Protein backbone atom coordinates (compact mmCIF):
# COMPACT_ATOMS: atom_id res chain seq x y z
CA MET A 1 108.22 130.51 143.47
CA GLU A 2 109.22 128.45 140.50
CA THR A 3 113.05 128.13 139.94
CA ALA A 4 112.68 128.81 136.22
CA PHE A 5 111.07 132.11 136.98
CA LEU A 6 113.69 133.19 139.47
CA ILE A 7 116.40 132.21 136.87
CA THR A 8 114.63 134.23 134.14
CA ALA A 9 114.24 137.22 136.43
CA PHE A 10 117.97 137.11 137.38
CA ALA A 11 119.01 136.74 133.78
CA THR A 12 116.80 139.68 132.64
CA LEU A 13 118.08 141.97 135.43
CA PHE A 14 121.74 141.16 134.67
CA VAL A 15 121.37 141.65 130.95
CA VAL A 16 119.42 144.91 131.28
CA ILE A 17 121.58 146.47 134.04
CA ASP A 18 124.83 144.99 132.25
CA PRO A 19 127.41 145.28 135.10
CA PRO A 20 130.34 144.40 132.85
CA GLY A 21 129.32 147.12 130.38
CA LEU A 22 129.34 149.70 133.29
CA VAL A 23 133.09 149.08 134.04
CA PRO A 24 134.68 151.24 131.32
CA LEU A 25 132.10 153.91 131.80
CA PHE A 26 132.72 154.02 135.48
CA ILE A 27 136.39 154.27 134.83
CA ALA A 28 135.86 157.22 132.57
CA LEU A 29 133.45 159.04 134.79
CA THR A 30 135.71 158.72 137.95
CA ARG A 31 138.99 159.27 136.16
CA GLY A 32 141.52 160.95 138.51
CA MET A 33 139.66 159.97 141.71
CA SER A 34 141.23 158.03 144.50
CA ALA A 35 140.15 154.40 145.41
CA GLN A 36 138.28 155.76 148.32
CA GLN A 37 136.32 158.44 146.21
CA ARG A 38 135.47 155.78 143.66
CA ARG A 39 134.05 153.46 146.32
CA ALA A 40 132.00 156.34 147.70
CA MET A 41 130.64 157.09 144.16
CA ALA A 42 129.86 153.47 143.47
CA GLN A 43 128.11 153.07 146.71
CA ARG A 44 126.03 156.27 146.47
CA ALA A 45 125.15 155.34 142.73
CA CYS A 46 124.00 151.76 143.69
CA LEU A 47 121.86 152.95 146.72
CA ILE A 48 120.07 155.55 144.61
CA ALA A 49 119.53 153.03 141.84
CA ALA A 50 118.23 150.38 144.36
CA ALA A 51 115.80 152.93 145.84
CA LEU A 52 114.48 153.92 142.42
CA LEU A 53 113.93 150.34 141.29
CA THR A 54 112.25 149.36 144.53
CA LEU A 55 109.86 152.40 144.25
CA PHE A 56 108.88 151.35 140.76
CA GLY A 57 108.69 147.68 141.74
CA LEU A 58 106.31 148.38 144.59
CA ALA A 59 104.19 151.25 143.02
CA GLY A 60 104.76 150.78 139.34
CA GLU A 61 101.57 148.61 138.63
CA ALA A 62 99.52 150.98 140.87
CA ILE A 63 100.69 153.95 138.78
CA LEU A 64 99.86 152.18 135.57
CA GLY A 65 96.38 151.33 136.89
CA PHE A 66 95.84 154.87 137.93
CA ILE A 67 96.51 156.13 134.36
CA GLY A 68 94.49 153.38 132.81
CA ILE A 69 97.24 151.10 131.32
CA SER A 70 96.70 147.34 131.55
CA MET A 71 99.52 145.01 132.52
CA SER A 72 99.26 143.26 129.21
CA ALA A 73 99.67 146.50 127.32
CA PHE A 74 102.68 147.42 129.44
CA ARG A 75 104.23 143.98 128.98
CA ILE A 76 104.05 144.27 125.16
CA ALA A 77 105.53 147.91 125.30
CA GLY A 78 108.11 146.86 127.76
CA GLY A 79 109.11 143.97 125.43
CA ILE A 80 109.47 146.25 122.56
CA LEU A 81 111.51 148.66 124.53
CA LEU A 82 113.78 145.87 125.72
CA PHE A 83 114.10 144.62 122.10
CA LEU A 84 115.31 148.06 121.04
CA THR A 85 117.79 147.96 123.94
CA ALA A 86 119.00 144.58 122.67
CA LEU A 87 119.53 145.95 119.17
CA ASP A 88 121.50 148.91 120.64
CA MET A 89 123.72 146.26 122.45
CA LEU A 90 124.19 144.09 119.41
CA PHE A 91 125.29 147.04 117.19
CA GLU A 92 127.22 148.84 119.91
CA ARG A 93 125.00 151.86 119.93
CA ARG A 94 124.24 151.51 123.63
CA THR A 95 127.88 151.67 124.68
CA GLN A 96 128.61 154.61 122.27
CA ARG A 97 125.58 156.52 123.55
CA ARG A 98 126.60 155.77 127.27
CA GLU A 99 130.23 156.88 126.56
CA GLY A 100 128.92 160.03 124.97
CA GLN A 101 127.30 161.14 128.23
CA THR A 102 129.74 163.56 129.75
CA VAL A 103 129.83 165.37 133.06
CA ASP A 104 131.59 168.44 133.97
CA GLU A 105 134.65 168.54 136.29
CA TYR A 106 132.68 169.76 139.37
CA HIS A 107 129.65 167.54 138.90
CA ASP A 108 128.93 164.41 141.04
CA PRO A 109 128.39 161.53 138.56
CA SER A 110 126.91 159.16 141.14
CA VAL A 111 123.33 160.40 140.67
CA PHE A 112 123.56 161.22 136.98
CA PRO A 113 124.49 159.49 134.86
CA LEU A 114 125.52 156.52 137.00
CA ALA A 115 122.52 155.82 139.21
CA THR A 116 120.12 156.86 136.45
CA PRO A 117 120.01 156.20 133.48
CA LEU A 118 123.04 153.83 133.53
CA ILE A 119 122.02 151.50 136.32
CA ALA A 120 118.31 152.26 136.98
CA GLY A 121 117.43 153.18 133.37
CA PRO A 122 114.07 152.74 131.42
CA GLY A 123 114.95 149.15 130.58
CA ALA A 124 115.52 148.19 134.17
CA ILE A 125 112.45 149.98 135.45
CA ALA A 126 110.33 148.30 132.73
CA SER A 127 111.86 144.95 133.58
CA ILE A 128 111.20 145.05 137.34
CA ILE A 129 107.51 146.12 136.67
CA LEU A 130 107.09 143.25 134.14
CA LEU A 131 108.67 140.60 136.37
CA ILE A 132 106.69 141.46 139.37
CA GLY A 133 103.56 141.33 137.15
CA GLN A 134 104.62 138.04 135.70
CA GLY A 135 105.17 136.63 139.14
CA GLY A 136 101.43 137.15 139.84
CA GLY A 137 101.81 140.44 141.86
CA ASP A 138 101.55 138.81 145.17
CA TRP A 139 103.96 139.70 148.05
CA PRO A 140 106.13 136.54 147.97
CA ALA A 141 106.70 137.07 144.19
CA THR A 142 107.16 140.82 144.71
CA PHE A 143 109.80 140.41 147.41
CA ALA A 144 111.49 137.66 145.45
CA VAL A 145 111.98 140.02 142.53
CA LEU A 146 113.04 142.86 144.75
CA GLY A 147 115.54 140.49 146.46
CA LEU A 148 116.99 139.60 143.06
CA THR A 149 117.12 143.27 142.11
CA TRP A 150 119.01 144.24 145.31
CA GLY A 151 121.26 141.23 144.65
CA MET A 152 121.97 142.57 141.21
CA ILE A 153 122.61 146.04 142.42
CA PHE A 154 125.23 144.40 144.85
CA VAL A 155 126.68 142.49 141.96
CA THR A 156 126.91 145.87 140.06
CA PHE A 157 128.64 147.45 143.06
CA LEU A 158 131.22 144.69 143.07
CA PHE A 159 131.91 145.18 139.43
CA LEU A 160 132.30 148.88 139.87
CA LEU A 161 134.75 148.36 142.75
CA ALA A 162 136.82 145.89 140.68
CA SER A 163 136.59 148.15 137.57
CA PRO A 164 140.32 148.84 137.04
CA PRO A 165 141.57 145.24 137.05
CA LEU A 166 138.52 144.08 135.17
CA GLU A 167 139.05 146.70 132.42
CA ARG A 168 142.65 145.48 131.95
CA MET A 169 141.55 141.91 131.95
CA LEU A 170 138.77 142.15 129.53
CA GLY A 171 139.94 145.05 127.29
CA ARG A 172 137.79 146.74 124.69
CA THR A 173 137.34 143.56 122.66
CA GLY A 174 136.22 141.51 125.70
CA THR A 175 133.73 144.20 126.74
CA ILE A 176 132.23 144.31 123.28
CA VAL A 177 131.88 140.45 123.05
CA ILE A 178 130.16 140.23 126.45
CA THR A 179 127.79 143.14 125.54
CA ARG A 180 126.74 141.45 122.26
CA LEU A 181 126.20 138.11 123.88
CA LEU A 182 123.98 139.78 126.56
CA GLY A 183 122.15 141.52 123.69
CA MET A 184 121.21 138.29 122.10
CA LEU A 185 119.91 137.00 125.28
CA LEU A 186 117.94 140.16 125.95
CA ALA A 187 116.45 139.98 122.46
CA ALA A 188 115.13 136.58 123.15
CA LEU A 189 113.67 137.58 126.57
CA SER A 190 112.04 140.69 125.03
CA VAL A 191 110.22 138.69 122.41
CA GLN A 192 108.93 136.31 125.25
CA PHE A 193 107.54 139.31 127.05
CA VAL A 194 105.67 140.41 123.97
CA ILE A 195 104.26 136.86 123.40
CA ASP A 196 103.15 136.73 127.05
CA GLY A 197 101.50 140.17 126.72
CA VAL A 198 99.64 139.27 123.64
CA ARG A 199 98.57 135.84 125.16
CA GLN A 200 97.36 137.77 128.19
CA THR A 201 95.05 140.00 126.02
CA GLY A 202 93.25 136.89 124.75
CA LEU A 203 94.11 137.52 121.12
CA ILE A 204 95.97 134.22 120.98
């Protein structure tokens, strides 16, 4: 595996999942819970998200082939989807939409909206399928991307556990700055996905 590919895959997953951006949302969704309850919520959400992303990482390309979608077409579509996500991050629409997702008092937020769509959302699912396809689809590349995904889920779990002090340290302004910087990086990565997809079709 090329080091550049692994770095790109890690950066893509970090930007799409956006662990720092989940901190204030996790605080809001678990307000009033004890530290032990928050830990259980974070653990359950991350395990469910990891299972979903692993499923799509292993079977995503087979599902695409079954319904007749080529990898190049999905790469272009995924790049466009990630670019729209980057625009949302740059203009704060993503955070506003996430914060607008409310849960009732008796609902367990670990499955919805924490596990999906906040952690394992459409962008993360598209990214893992694209990265595995970009790595050639062989087993070493597949397990390398899955390993990075599991590592990123663990990083997300650590961010969720450390959410109270992180929220105080970053503040609203710090979270916005980080989100917009990640949005810029995601925009560039999404354009690269589109270029790779168009090149794979043989048009250029």
